[in-house]
Full PDB file with SEQRES, HELIX, SHEET, SSBOND, CRYST1, ORIGX, SCALE, CONECT and MASTER records, all heavy atoms in Angstrom:
SEQRES   1 A   29  ALA ALA LEU VAL LEU GLY GLY VAL THR GLU LEU ARG LEU          
SEQRES   2 A   29  TYR HIS GLY THR SER ALA ALA VAL ASP VAL ALA ALA THR          
SEQRES   3 A   29  LEU GLY ILE                                                  
HELIX    1 AA1 ALA A    2  LEU A    5  1                                   4    
CRYST1    1.000    1.000    1.000  90.00  90.00  90.00 P 1           1          
ORIGX1      1.000000  0.000000  0.000000        0.00000                         
ORIGX2      0.000000  1.000000  0.000000        0.00000                         
ORIGX3      0.000000  0.000000  1.000000        0.00000                         
SCALE1      1.000000  0.000000  0.000000        0.00000                         
SCALE2      0.000000  1.000000  0.000000        0.00000                         
SCALE3      0.000000  0.000000  1.000000        0.00000                         
ATOM      1  N   ALA A   1     -37.878  42.168  68.571  1.00  0.00           N  
ATOM      2  CA  ALA A   1     -38.496  42.699  67.320  1.00  0.00           C  
ATOM      3  C   ALA A   1     -38.910  44.123  67.414  1.00  0.00           C  
ATOM      4  O   ALA A   1     -38.556  44.935  66.531  1.00  0.00           O  
ATOM      5  CB  ALA A   1     -39.735  41.796  67.003  1.00  0.00           C  
ATOM      6  N   ALA A   2     -39.599  44.544  68.500  1.00  0.00           N  
ATOM      7  CA  ALA A   2     -40.127  45.886  68.562  1.00  0.00           C  
ATOM      8  C   ALA A   2     -38.987  46.892  68.596  1.00  0.00           C  
ATOM      9  O   ALA A   2     -39.036  47.924  67.935  1.00  0.00           O  
ATOM     10  CB  ALA A   2     -41.008  46.040  69.833  1.00  0.00           C  
ATOM     11  N   LEU A   3     -37.951  46.603  69.365  1.00  0.00           N  
ATOM     12  CA  LEU A   3     -36.808  47.518  69.456  1.00  0.00           C  
ATOM     13  C   LEU A   3     -36.054  47.627  68.104  1.00  0.00           C  
ATOM     14  O   LEU A   3     -35.765  48.716  67.629  1.00  0.00           O  
ATOM     15  CB  LEU A   3     -35.819  47.013  70.538  1.00  0.00           C  
ATOM     16  CG  LEU A   3     -34.529  47.810  70.676  1.00  0.00           C  
ATOM     17  CD1 LEU A   3     -34.829  49.236  71.083  1.00  0.00           C  
ATOM     18  CD2 LEU A   3     -33.656  47.166  71.763  1.00  0.00           C  
ATOM     19  N   VAL A   4     -35.850  46.486  67.475  1.00  0.00           N  
ATOM     20  CA  VAL A   4     -35.082  46.494  66.247  1.00  0.00           C  
ATOM     21  C   VAL A   4     -35.823  47.201  65.113  1.00  0.00           C  
ATOM     22  O   VAL A   4     -35.298  47.997  64.370  1.00  0.00           O  
ATOM     23  CB  VAL A   4     -34.709  45.058  65.789  1.00  0.00           C  
ATOM     24  CG1 VAL A   4     -34.107  45.010  64.408  1.00  0.00           C  
ATOM     25  CG2 VAL A   4     -33.759  44.445  66.826  1.00  0.00           C  
ATOM     26  N   LEU A   5     -37.162  46.921  64.955  1.00  0.00           N  
ATOM     27  CA  LEU A   5     -37.938  47.438  63.879  1.00  0.00           C  
ATOM     28  C   LEU A   5     -38.051  49.010  64.011  1.00  0.00           C  
ATOM     29  O   LEU A   5     -38.291  49.670  63.010  1.00  0.00           O  
ATOM     30  CB  LEU A   5     -39.348  46.831  63.864  1.00  0.00           C  
ATOM     31  CG  LEU A   5     -39.356  45.354  63.448  1.00  0.00           C  
ATOM     32  CD1 LEU A   5     -40.763  44.805  63.659  1.00  0.00           C  
ATOM     33  CD2 LEU A   5     -38.914  45.177  62.003  1.00  0.00           C  
ATOM     34  N   GLY A   6     -37.863  49.523  65.205  1.00  0.00           N  
ATOM     35  CA  GLY A   6     -37.924  50.991  65.421  1.00  0.00           C  
ATOM     36  C   GLY A   6     -36.699  51.703  64.914  1.00  0.00           C  
ATOM     37  O   GLY A   6     -36.694  52.925  64.840  1.00  0.00           O  
ATOM     38  N   GLY A   7     -35.624  50.987  64.534  1.00  0.00           N  
ATOM     39  CA  GLY A   7     -34.415  51.648  64.051  1.00  0.00           C  
ATOM     40  C   GLY A   7     -33.415  50.648  63.538  1.00  0.00           C  
ATOM     41  O   GLY A   7     -32.390  50.379  64.197  1.00  0.00           O  
ATOM     42  N   VAL A   8     -33.672  50.072  62.372  1.00  0.00           N  
ATOM     43  CA  VAL A   8     -32.790  49.056  61.789  1.00  0.00           C  
ATOM     44  C   VAL A   8     -31.486  49.668  61.343  1.00  0.00           C  
ATOM     45  O   VAL A   8     -31.472  50.666  60.615  1.00  0.00           O  
ATOM     46  CB  VAL A   8     -33.479  48.326  60.601  1.00  0.00           C  
ATOM     47  CG1 VAL A   8     -32.498  47.362  59.954  1.00  0.00           C  
ATOM     48  CG2 VAL A   8     -34.727  47.612  61.072  1.00  0.00           C  
ATOM     49  N   THR A   9     -30.344  49.205  61.825  1.00  0.00           N  
ATOM     50  CA  THR A   9     -29.051  49.678  61.495  1.00  0.00           C  
ATOM     51  C   THR A   9     -28.277  48.745  60.575  1.00  0.00           C  
ATOM     52  O   THR A   9     -27.228  49.118  60.046  1.00  0.00           O  
ATOM     53  CB  THR A   9     -28.210  49.960  62.756  1.00  0.00           C  
ATOM     54  OG1 THR A   9     -28.086  48.732  63.505  1.00  0.00           O  
ATOM     55  CG2 THR A   9     -28.863  51.021  63.649  1.00  0.00           C  
ATOM     56  N   GLU A  10     -28.759  47.522  60.447  1.00  0.00           N  
ATOM     57  CA  GLU A  10     -28.076  46.606  59.545  1.00  0.00           C  
ATOM     58  C   GLU A  10     -29.055  45.468  59.181  1.00  0.00           C  
ATOM     59  O   GLU A  10     -29.880  45.042  60.014  1.00  0.00           O  
ATOM     60  CB  GLU A  10     -26.840  45.980  60.206  1.00  0.00           C  
ATOM     61  CG  GLU A  10     -25.979  45.146  59.270  1.00  0.00           C  
ATOM     62  CD  GLU A  10     -24.649  44.794  59.897  1.00  0.00           C  
ATOM     63  OE1 GLU A  10     -23.858  45.706  60.257  1.00  0.00           O  
ATOM     64  OE2 GLU A  10     -24.400  43.575  60.005  1.00  0.00           O  
ATOM     65  N   LEU A  11     -28.986  45.011  57.933  1.00  0.00           N  
ATOM     66  CA  LEU A  11     -29.880  43.998  57.453  1.00  0.00           C  
ATOM     67  C   LEU A  11     -28.998  42.891  56.843  1.00  0.00           C  
ATOM     68  O   LEU A  11     -28.085  43.197  56.058  1.00  0.00           O  
ATOM     69  CB  LEU A  11     -30.784  44.619  56.356  1.00  0.00           C  
ATOM     70  CG  LEU A  11     -31.841  43.733  55.743  1.00  0.00           C  
ATOM     71  CD1 LEU A  11     -32.927  43.330  56.716  1.00  0.00           C  
ATOM     72  CD2 LEU A  11     -32.465  44.471  54.545  1.00  0.00           C  
ATOM     73  N   ARG A  12     -29.261  41.623  57.209  1.00  0.00           N  
ATOM     74  CA  ARG A  12     -28.466  40.551  56.674  1.00  0.00           C  
ATOM     75  C   ARG A  12     -29.345  39.417  56.174  1.00  0.00           C  
ATOM     76  O   ARG A  12     -30.419  39.172  56.670  1.00  0.00           O  
ATOM     77  CB  ARG A  12     -27.570  39.972  57.798  1.00  0.00           C  
ATOM     78  CG  ARG A  12     -26.532  40.960  58.306  1.00  0.00           C  
ATOM     79  CD  ARG A  12     -25.648  40.286  59.312  1.00  0.00           C  
ATOM     80  NE  ARG A  12     -24.590  41.196  59.858  1.00  0.00           N  
ATOM     81  CZ  ARG A  12     -23.676  40.877  60.737  1.00  0.00           C  
ATOM     82  NH1 ARG A  12     -23.661  39.600  61.200  1.00  0.00           N  
ATOM     83  NH2 ARG A  12     -22.773  41.756  61.106  1.00  0.00           N  
ATOM     84  N   LEU A  13     -28.853  38.708  55.157  1.00  0.00           N  
ATOM     85  CA  LEU A  13     -29.516  37.507  54.694  1.00  0.00           C  
ATOM     86  C   LEU A  13     -28.565  36.354  54.905  1.00  0.00           C  
ATOM     87  O   LEU A  13     -27.431  36.348  54.399  1.00  0.00           O  
ATOM     88  CB  LEU A  13     -29.878  37.652  53.178  1.00  0.00           C  
ATOM     89  CG  LEU A  13     -30.532  36.443  52.492  1.00  0.00           C  
ATOM     90  CD1 LEU A  13     -31.885  36.215  53.125  1.00  0.00           C  
ATOM     91  CD2 LEU A  13     -30.605  36.639  51.035  1.00  0.00           C  
ATOM     92  N   TYR A  14     -29.069  35.354  55.684  1.00  0.00           N  
ATOM     93  CA  TYR A  14     -28.223  34.170  55.959  1.00  0.00           C  
ATOM     94  C   TYR A  14     -28.745  32.960  55.209  1.00  0.00           C  
ATOM     95  O   TYR A  14     -29.874  32.855  54.872  1.00  0.00           O  
ATOM     96  CB  TYR A  14     -28.280  33.888  57.453  1.00  0.00           C  
ATOM     97  CG  TYR A  14     -27.406  34.783  58.296  1.00  0.00           C  
ATOM     98  CD1 TYR A  14     -27.922  35.942  58.878  1.00  0.00           C  
ATOM     99  CD2 TYR A  14     -26.093  34.454  58.588  1.00  0.00           C  
ATOM    100  CE1 TYR A  14     -27.150  36.740  59.689  1.00  0.00           C  
ATOM    101  CE2 TYR A  14     -25.297  35.271  59.361  1.00  0.00           C  
ATOM    102  CZ  TYR A  14     -25.856  36.416  59.947  1.00  0.00           C  
ATOM    103  OH  TYR A  14     -25.057  37.195  60.710  1.00  0.00           O  
ATOM    104  N   HIS A  15     -27.840  32.008  54.998  1.00  0.00           N  
ATOM    105  CA  HIS A  15     -28.242  30.693  54.478  1.00  0.00           C  
ATOM    106  C   HIS A  15     -27.739  29.612  55.363  1.00  0.00           C  
ATOM    107  O   HIS A  15     -26.756  29.786  56.094  1.00  0.00           O  
ATOM    108  CB  HIS A  15     -27.710  30.476  53.033  1.00  0.00           C  
ATOM    109  CG  HIS A  15     -26.262  30.109  52.982  1.00  0.00           C  
ATOM    110  ND1 HIS A  15     -25.798  28.878  53.263  1.00  0.00           N  
ATOM    111  CD2 HIS A  15     -25.195  30.896  52.688  1.00  0.00           C  
ATOM    112  CE1 HIS A  15     -24.481  28.842  53.129  1.00  0.00           C  
ATOM    113  NE2 HIS A  15     -24.076  30.073  52.770  1.00  0.00           N  
ATOM    114  N   GLY A  16     -28.403  28.483  55.310  1.00  0.00           N  
ATOM    115  CA  GLY A  16     -27.974  27.305  56.051  1.00  0.00           C  
ATOM    116  C   GLY A  16     -28.625  26.100  55.358  1.00  0.00           C  
ATOM    117  O   GLY A  16     -29.182  26.193  54.273  1.00  0.00           O  
ATOM    118  N   THR A  17     -28.515  24.960  55.964  1.00  0.00           N  
ATOM    119  CA  THR A  17     -29.163  23.785  55.441  1.00  0.00           C  
ATOM    120  C   THR A  17     -29.637  22.919  56.618  1.00  0.00           C  
ATOM    121  O   THR A  17     -29.049  22.964  57.722  1.00  0.00           O  
ATOM    122  CB  THR A  17     -28.221  22.989  54.562  1.00  0.00           C  
ATOM    123  OG1 THR A  17     -28.894  21.753  54.160  1.00  0.00           O  
ATOM    124  CG2 THR A  17     -26.929  22.596  55.264  1.00  0.00           C  
ATOM    125  N   SER A  18     -30.698  22.174  56.426  1.00  0.00           N  
ATOM    126  CA  SER A  18     -31.204  21.276  57.485  1.00  0.00           C  
ATOM    127  C   SER A  18     -30.345  20.051  57.580  1.00  0.00           C  
ATOM    128  O   SER A  18     -30.365  19.333  58.608  1.00  0.00           O  
ATOM    129  CB  SER A  18     -32.653  20.929  57.160  1.00  0.00           C  
ATOM    130  OG  SER A  18     -33.465  22.064  57.138  1.00  0.00           O  
ATOM    131  N   ALA A  19     -29.565  19.700  56.552  1.00  0.00           N  
ATOM    132  CA  ALA A  19     -28.738  18.530  56.567  1.00  0.00           C  
ATOM    133  C   ALA A  19     -27.488  18.789  57.396  1.00  0.00           C  
ATOM    134  O   ALA A  19     -27.030  19.901  57.524  1.00  0.00           O  
ATOM    135  CB  ALA A  19     -28.387  18.138  55.147  1.00  0.00           C  
ATOM    136  N   ALA A  20     -26.942  17.726  57.968  1.00  0.00           N  
ATOM    137  CA  ALA A  20     -25.762  17.835  58.773  1.00  0.00           C  
ATOM    138  C   ALA A  20     -24.480  17.869  57.931  1.00  0.00           C  
ATOM    139  O   ALA A  20     -23.578  17.078  58.081  1.00  0.00           O  
ATOM    140  CB  ALA A  20     -25.713  16.687  59.791  1.00  0.00           C  
ATOM    141  N   VAL A  21     -24.479  18.754  56.962  1.00  0.00           N  
ATOM    142  CA  VAL A  21     -23.288  18.894  56.094  1.00  0.00           C  
ATOM    143  C   VAL A  21     -23.058  20.396  55.900  1.00  0.00           C  
ATOM    144  O   VAL A  21     -23.962  21.202  56.059  1.00  0.00           O  
ATOM    145  CB  VAL A  21     -23.528  18.259  54.693  1.00  0.00           C  
ATOM    146  CG1 VAL A  21     -23.642  16.724  54.861  1.00  0.00           C  
ATOM    147  CG2 VAL A  21     -24.779  18.793  54.037  1.00  0.00           C  
ATOM    148  N   ASP A  22     -21.819  20.715  55.583  1.00  0.00           N  
ATOM    149  CA  ASP A  22     -21.517  22.141  55.274  1.00  0.00           C  
ATOM    150  C   ASP A  22     -22.201  22.531  54.003  1.00  0.00           C  
ATOM    151  O   ASP A  22     -22.541  21.725  53.125  1.00  0.00           O  
ATOM    152  CB  ASP A  22     -20.009  22.317  55.145  1.00  0.00           C  
ATOM    153  CG  ASP A  22     -19.329  22.250  56.509  1.00  0.00           C  
ATOM    154  OD1 ASP A  22     -20.038  22.197  57.529  1.00  0.00           O  
ATOM    155  OD2 ASP A  22     -18.062  22.223  56.545  1.00  0.00           O  
ATOM    156  N   VAL A  23     -22.334  23.847  53.822  1.00  0.00           N  
ATOM    157  CA  VAL A  23     -23.094  24.418  52.703  1.00  0.00           C  
ATOM    158  C   VAL A  23     -22.098  24.987  51.691  1.00  0.00           C  
ATOM    159  O   VAL A  23     -21.147  25.684  52.119  1.00  0.00           O  
ATOM    160  CB  VAL A  23     -24.057  25.482  53.173  1.00  0.00           C  
ATOM    161  CG1 VAL A  23     -24.782  26.115  51.990  1.00  0.00           C  
ATOM    162  CG2 VAL A  23     -25.070  24.886  54.133  1.00  0.00           C  
ATOM    163  N   ALA A  24     -22.349  24.755  50.460  1.00  0.00           N  
ATOM    164  CA  ALA A  24     -21.671  25.521  49.370  1.00  0.00           C  
ATOM    165  C   ALA A  24     -22.822  26.179  48.606  1.00  0.00           C  
ATOM    166  O   ALA A  24     -23.511  25.573  47.866  1.00  0.00           O  
ATOM    167  CB  ALA A  24     -20.853  24.578  48.487  1.00  0.00           C  
ATOM    168  N   ALA A  25     -22.922  27.494  48.790  1.00  0.00           N  
ATOM    169  CA  ALA A  25     -24.093  28.214  48.262  1.00  0.00           C  
ATOM    170  C   ALA A  25     -23.676  29.130  47.124  1.00  0.00           C  
ATOM    171  O   ALA A  25     -22.669  29.768  47.157  1.00  0.00           O  
ATOM    172  CB  ALA A  25     -24.752  29.042  49.346  1.00  0.00           C  
ATOM    173  N   THR A  26     -24.505  29.109  46.096  1.00  0.00           N  
ATOM    174  CA  THR A  26     -24.431  30.067  44.999  1.00  0.00           C  
ATOM    175  C   THR A  26     -25.826  30.554  44.804  1.00  0.00           C  
ATOM    176  O   THR A  26     -26.692  29.855  44.324  1.00  0.00           O  
ATOM    177  CB  THR A  26     -23.874  29.448  43.703  1.00  0.00           C  
ATOM    178  OG1 THR A  26     -22.611  28.859  43.949  1.00  0.00           O  
ATOM    179  CG2 THR A  26     -23.763  30.473  42.630  1.00  0.00           C  
ATOM    180  N   LEU A  27     -26.068  31.779  45.249  1.00  0.00           N  
ATOM    181  CA  LEU A  27     -27.434  32.317  45.352  1.00  0.00           C  
ATOM    182  C   LEU A  27     -27.623  33.533  44.462  1.00  0.00           C  
ATOM    183  O   LEU A  27     -26.859  34.512  44.602  1.00  0.00           O  
ATOM    184  CB  LEU A  27     -27.741  32.672  46.768  1.00  0.00           C  
ATOM    185  CG  LEU A  27     -29.157  33.146  47.094  1.00  0.00           C  
ATOM    186  CD1 LEU A  27     -30.144  32.005  46.907  1.00  0.00           C  
ATOM    187  CD2 LEU A  27     -29.225  33.706  48.546  1.00  0.00           C  
ATOM    188  N   GLY A  28     -28.603  33.486  43.576  1.00  0.00           N  
ATOM    189  CA  GLY A  28     -28.967  34.657  42.783  1.00  0.00           C  
ATOM    190  C   GLY A  28     -30.017  35.454  43.544  1.00  0.00           C  
ATOM    191  O   GLY A  28     -30.945  34.840  44.077  1.00  0.00           O  
ATOM    192  N   ILE A  29     -29.877  36.750  43.512  1.00  0.00           N  
ATOM    193  CA  ILE A  29     -30.827  37.618  44.256  1.00  0.00           C  
ATOM    194  C   ILE A  29     -31.203  38.754  43.343  1.00  0.00           C  
ATOM    195  O   ILE A  29     -30.347  39.439  42.759  1.00  0.00           O  
ATOM    196  CB  ILE A  29     -30.220  38.149  45.538  1.00  0.00           C  
ATOM    197  CG1 ILE A  29     -29.594  37.033  46.394  1.00  0.00           C  
ATOM    198  CG2 ILE A  29     -31.219  38.942  46.360  1.00  0.00           C  
ATOM    199  CD1 ILE A  29     -28.740  37.497  47.549  1.00  0.00           C  
TER     200      ILE A  29                                                      
MASTER        0    0    0    1    0    0    0    6  199    1    0    3          
END                                                                             
């Protein structure tokens, strides 16, 4: 955390699910 927060070079948003199934996501942001 300390190293990354000092110079963020990329930011990502991931999705997943707690269920044991694949995800089909349609996400509004």
